[in-house]
Amino acid sequence: MKKATITKTVDLLDGGCNVCGIIENENYILTIDEQTIPLEELTVNALITAIVLKNGYKREYETDVIDDYILYIKEGHQVRLKEEYNFLIYSSDTAKVETQDQIVDEKQLVEKVNEILETLFKLEELEFCF
């Protein structure tokens, strides 16, 4: 099982005027196999995207009459992501996983990410460390 490390840094930024206070800017970095991948935020979608792109999947944006969606493709295997506000639907020909995008509990977050990686993307489970 590969190890994935997530580190968080917090930058304190001056708001820029007398009324504005100090703003906390959180940054996350995912490290797998000594390769660092910056994350915009710590969400299911951000983690899945970073991990599958690192593993050779290509991302395409598709539109049809009703919906827009993201298609991840690798060697003929396709996984479709349909996004709603804070709700994600990942699906392939054989399986479908629905989840919230933002999961506050880190244990539940990594369990959901590993479920999606194994079930839909056919990738091995990762051991996450914070």
C-alpha atoms as a PDB file:
ATOM      1  CA  MET A   1       0.000   0.000   0.000  1.00  0.00           C
ATOM      2  CA  LYS A   2       1.422   3.348  -1.041  1.00  0.00           C
ATOM      3  CA  LYS A   3       1.700   6.138   1.488  1.00  0.00           C
ATOM      4  CA  ALA A   4       0.176   9.561   0.805  1.00  0.00           C
ATOM      5  CA  THR A   5       1.004  12.477   3.075  1.00  0.00           C
ATOM      6  CA  ILE A   6      -1.150  15.581   3.303  1.00  0.00           C
ATOM      7  CA  THR A   7       0.424  18.661   4.840  1.00  0.00           C
ATOM      8  CA  LYS A   8      -1.304  21.911   5.658  1.00  0.00           C
ATOM      9  CA  THR A   9       0.253  25.344   5.929  1.00  0.00           C
ATOM     10  CA  VAL A  10      -1.508  28.503   7.002  1.00  0.00           C
ATOM     11  CA  ASP A  11      -0.422  31.890   5.703  1.00  0.00           C
ATOM     12  CA  LEU A  12      -1.565  34.939   7.632  1.00  0.00           C
ATOM     13  CA  LEU A  13      -2.274  37.763   5.199  1.00  0.00           C
ATOM     14  CA  ASP A  14      -2.871  41.398   6.032  1.00  0.00           C
ATOM     15  CA  GLY A  15      -6.310  42.445   4.781  1.00  0.00           C
ATOM     16  CA  GLY A  16      -4.836  45.600   3.249  1.00  0.00           C
ATOM     17  CA  CYS A  17      -6.746  48.353   5.032  1.00  0.00           C
ATOM     18  CA  ASN A  18      -7.375  49.563   8.562  1.00  0.00           C
ATOM     19  CA  VAL A  19     -10.799  47.905   8.772  1.00  0.00           C
ATOM     20  CA  CYS A  20      -9.797  44.555   7.314  1.00  0.00           C
ATOM     21  CA  GLY A  21      -8.318  42.055   9.722  1.00  0.00           C
ATOM     22  CA  ILE A  22      -5.816  39.317   9.208  1.00  0.00           C
ATOM     23  CA  ILE A  23      -6.926  36.611   6.771  1.00  0.00           C
ATOM     24  CA  GLU A  24      -5.937  32.954   7.136  1.00  0.00           C
ATOM     25  CA  ASN A  25      -5.048  31.287   3.830  1.00  0.00           C
ATOM     26  CA  GLU A  26      -4.880  27.471   4.110  1.00  0.00           C
ATOM     27  CA  ASN A  27      -2.716  25.562   1.637  1.00  0.00           C
ATOM     28  CA  TYR A  28      -2.546  21.774   1.263  1.00  0.00           C
ATOM     29  CA  ILE A  29       0.133  19.624  -0.340  1.00  0.00           C
ATOM     30  CA  LEU A  30      -0.313  15.940  -1.228  1.00  0.00           C
ATOM     31  CA  THR A  31       2.921  13.920  -1.372  1.00  0.00           C
ATOM     32  CA  ILE A  32       2.957  10.508  -3.078  1.00  0.00           C
ATOM     33  CA  ASP A  33       6.171   8.704  -4.073  1.00  0.00           C
ATOM     34  CA  GLU A  34       8.213  11.803  -3.194  1.00  0.00           C
ATOM     35  CA  GLN A  35       6.198  13.856  -5.695  1.00  0.00           C
ATOM     36  CA  THR A  36       4.389  16.878  -4.274  1.00  0.00           C
ATOM     37  CA  ILE A  37       1.028  17.946  -5.661  1.00  0.00           C
ATOM     38  CA  PRO A  38      -0.545  21.226  -4.515  1.00  0.00           C
ATOM     39  CA  LEU A  39      -4.255  21.071  -3.657  1.00  0.00           C
ATOM     40  CA  GLU A  40      -6.625  24.028  -3.851  1.00  0.00           C
ATOM     41  CA  GLU A  41      -8.626  22.645  -0.951  1.00  0.00           C
ATOM     42  CA  LEU A  42      -9.022  19.447   1.041  1.00  0.00           C
ATOM     43  CA  THR A  43     -12.078  17.909  -0.650  1.00  0.00           C
ATOM     44  CA  VAL A  44     -12.979  14.580  -2.235  1.00  0.00           C
ATOM     45  CA  ASN A  45     -12.836  16.084  -5.733  1.00  0.00           C
ATOM     46  CA  ALA A  46      -9.445  17.762  -5.212  1.00  0.00           C
ATOM     47  CA  LEU A  47      -7.875  14.562  -3.838  1.00  0.00           C
ATOM     48  CA  ILE A  48      -9.366  12.273  -6.482  1.00  0.00           C
ATOM     49  CA  THR A  49      -8.328  14.597  -9.313  1.00  0.00           C
ATOM     50  CA  ALA A  50      -4.740  14.888  -8.071  1.00  0.00           C
ATOM     51  CA  ILE A  51      -4.344  11.143  -7.514  1.00  0.00           C
ATOM     52  CA  VAL A  52      -5.878   9.907 -10.779  1.00  0.00           C
ATOM     53  CA  LEU A  53      -4.008  12.454 -12.918  1.00  0.00           C
ATOM     54  CA  LYS A  54      -0.772  11.325 -11.241  1.00  0.00           C
ATOM     55  CA  ASN A  55      -1.706   7.729 -12.159  1.00  0.00           C
ATOM     56  CA  GLY A  56      -2.017   8.432 -15.880  1.00  0.00           C
ATOM     57  CA  TYR A  57      -5.680   9.335 -16.324  1.00  0.00           C
ATOM     58  CA  LYS A  58      -6.517  12.150 -18.727  1.00  0.00           C
ATOM     59  CA  ARG A  59      -9.290  14.630 -17.916  1.00  0.00           C
ATOM     60  CA  GLU A  60     -11.796  15.907 -20.466  1.00  0.00           C
ATOM     61  CA  TYR A  61     -14.706  18.273 -20.037  1.00  0.00           C
ATOM     62  CA  GLU A  62     -17.881  17.112 -21.779  1.00  0.00           C
ATOM     63  CA  THR A  63     -21.214  18.829 -22.302  1.00  0.00           C
ATOM     64  CA  ASP A  64     -24.558  17.595 -23.508  1.00  0.00           C
ATOM     65  CA  VAL A  65     -28.005  19.136 -23.657  1.00  0.00           C
ATOM     66  CA  ILE A  66     -28.801  18.544 -19.988  1.00  0.00           C
ATOM     67  CA  ASP A  67     -25.519  18.351 -18.046  1.00  0.00           C
ATOM     68  CA  ASP A  68     -21.845  19.186 -18.049  1.00  0.00           C
ATOM     69  CA  TYR A  69     -19.490  16.586 -16.649  1.00  0.00           C
ATOM     70  CA  ILE A  70     -15.837  15.602 -16.365  1.00  0.00           C
ATOM     71  CA  LEU A  71     -14.575  12.424 -17.992  1.00  0.00           C
ATOM     72  CA  TYR A  72     -11.441  10.653 -16.742  1.00  0.00           C
ATOM     73  CA  ILE A  73      -9.964   8.295 -19.340  1.00  0.00           C
ATOM     74  CA  LYS A  74      -7.104   5.788 -19.205  1.00  0.00           C
ATOM     75  CA  GLU A  75      -6.558   2.947 -21.680  1.00  0.00           C
ATOM     76  CA  GLY A  76     -10.234   2.750 -22.645  1.00  0.00           C
ATOM     77  CA  HIS A  77     -11.477   2.849 -19.045  1.00  0.00           C
ATOM     78  CA  GLN A  78     -13.761   5.816 -18.378  1.00  0.00           C
ATOM     79  CA  VAL A  79     -15.092   7.373 -15.197  1.00  0.00           C
ATOM     80  CA  ARG A  80     -17.629  10.186 -15.341  1.00  0.00           C
ATOM     81  CA  LEU A  81     -17.933  12.887 -12.673  1.00  0.00           C
ATOM     82  CA  LYS A  82     -21.100  14.916 -12.401  1.00  0.00           C
ATOM     83  CA  GLU A  83     -20.879  17.825  -9.966  1.00  0.00           C
ATOM     84  CA  GLU A  84     -23.679  19.477  -8.074  1.00  0.00           C
ATOM     85  CA  TYR A  85     -23.219  21.991  -5.262  1.00  0.00           C
ATOM     86  CA  ASN A  86     -21.145  20.084  -2.640  1.00  0.00           C
ATOM     87  CA  PHE A  87     -22.360  16.775  -4.139  1.00  0.00           C
ATOM     88  CA  LEU A  88     -20.493  14.483  -6.521  1.00  0.00           C
ATOM     89  CA  ILE A  89     -21.571  11.489  -8.588  1.00  0.00           C
ATOM     90  CA  TYR A  90     -18.738   9.301  -9.899  1.00  0.00           C
ATOM     91  CA  SER A  91     -19.833   6.566 -12.300  1.00  0.00           C
ATOM     92  CA  SER A  92     -18.389   3.991 -14.672  1.00  0.00           C
ATOM     93  CA  ASP A  93     -19.987   1.227 -16.713  1.00  0.00           C
ATOM     94  CA  THR A  94     -20.055  -1.080 -13.700  1.00  0.00           C
ATOM     95  CA  ALA A  95     -20.397   1.092 -10.581  1.00  0.00           C
ATOM     96  CA  LYS A  96     -21.607   4.393  -9.179  1.00  0.00           C
ATOM     97  CA  VAL A  97     -20.553   6.287  -6.026  1.00  0.00           C
ATOM     98  CA  GLU A  98     -22.343   9.355  -4.676  1.00  0.00           C
ATOM     99  CA  THR A  99     -20.761  11.554  -2.018  1.00  0.00           C
ATOM    100  CA  GLN A 100     -20.524  15.003  -0.542  1.00  0.00           C
ATOM    101  CA  ASP A 101     -17.502  16.932  -1.793  1.00  0.00           C
ATOM    102  CA  GLN A 102     -16.559  18.494   1.539  1.00  0.00           C
ATOM    103  CA  ILE A 103     -16.185  16.005   4.364  1.00  0.00           C
ATOM    104  CA  VAL A 104     -14.881  17.576   7.576  1.00  0.00           C
ATOM    105  CA  ASP A 105     -13.808  14.362   9.335  1.00  0.00           C
ATOM    106  CA  GLU A 106     -10.412  13.350   7.901  1.00  0.00           C
ATOM    107  CA  LYS A 107     -10.994   9.616   8.486  1.00  0.00           C
ATOM    108  CA  GLN A 108     -14.307   9.656   6.602  1.00  0.00           C
ATOM    109  CA  LEU A 109     -12.722  11.757   3.846  1.00  0.00           C
ATOM    110  CA  VAL A 110      -9.900   9.295   3.167  1.00  0.00           C
ATOM    111  CA  GLU A 111     -12.254   6.301   3.418  1.00  0.00           C
ATOM    112  CA  LYS A 112     -14.493   7.826   0.729  1.00  0.00           C
ATOM    113  CA  VAL A 113     -11.497   8.732  -1.469  1.00  0.00           C
ATOM    114  CA  ASN A 114     -10.134   5.166  -1.209  1.00  0.00           C
ATOM    115  CA  GLU A 115     -13.570   3.712  -1.973  1.00  0.00           C
ATOM    116  CA  ILE A 116     -13.790   5.769  -5.179  1.00  0.00           C
ATOM    117  CA  LEU A 117     -10.190   4.975  -6.186  1.00  0.00           C
ATOM    118  CA  GLU A 118     -10.657   1.224  -5.762  1.00  0.00           C
ATOM    119  CA  THR A 119     -14.243   0.858  -7.005  1.00  0.00           C
ATOM    120  CA  LEU A 120     -14.220   3.131 -10.034  1.00  0.00           C
ATOM    121  CA  PHE A 121     -10.626   3.873 -11.004  1.00  0.00           C
ATOM    122  CA  LYS A 122      -9.237   0.396 -10.192  1.00  0.00           C
ATOM    123  CA  LEU A 123      -6.324   1.921  -8.273  1.00  0.00           C
ATOM    124  CA  GLU A 124      -4.810   0.566  -5.077  1.00  0.00           C
ATOM    125  CA  GLU A 125      -5.818   1.948  -1.701  1.00  0.00           C
ATOM    126  CA  LEU A 126      -3.586   4.664  -0.267  1.00  0.00           C
ATOM    127  CA  GLU A 127      -2.475   5.004   3.340  1.00  0.00           C
ATOM    128  CA  PHE A 128      -3.093   8.668   4.147  1.00  0.00           C
ATOM    129  CA  CYS A 129      -1.152  10.497   6.843  1.00  0.00           C
ATOM    130  CA  PHE A 130      -1.883  14.021   8.030  1.00  0.00           C
END
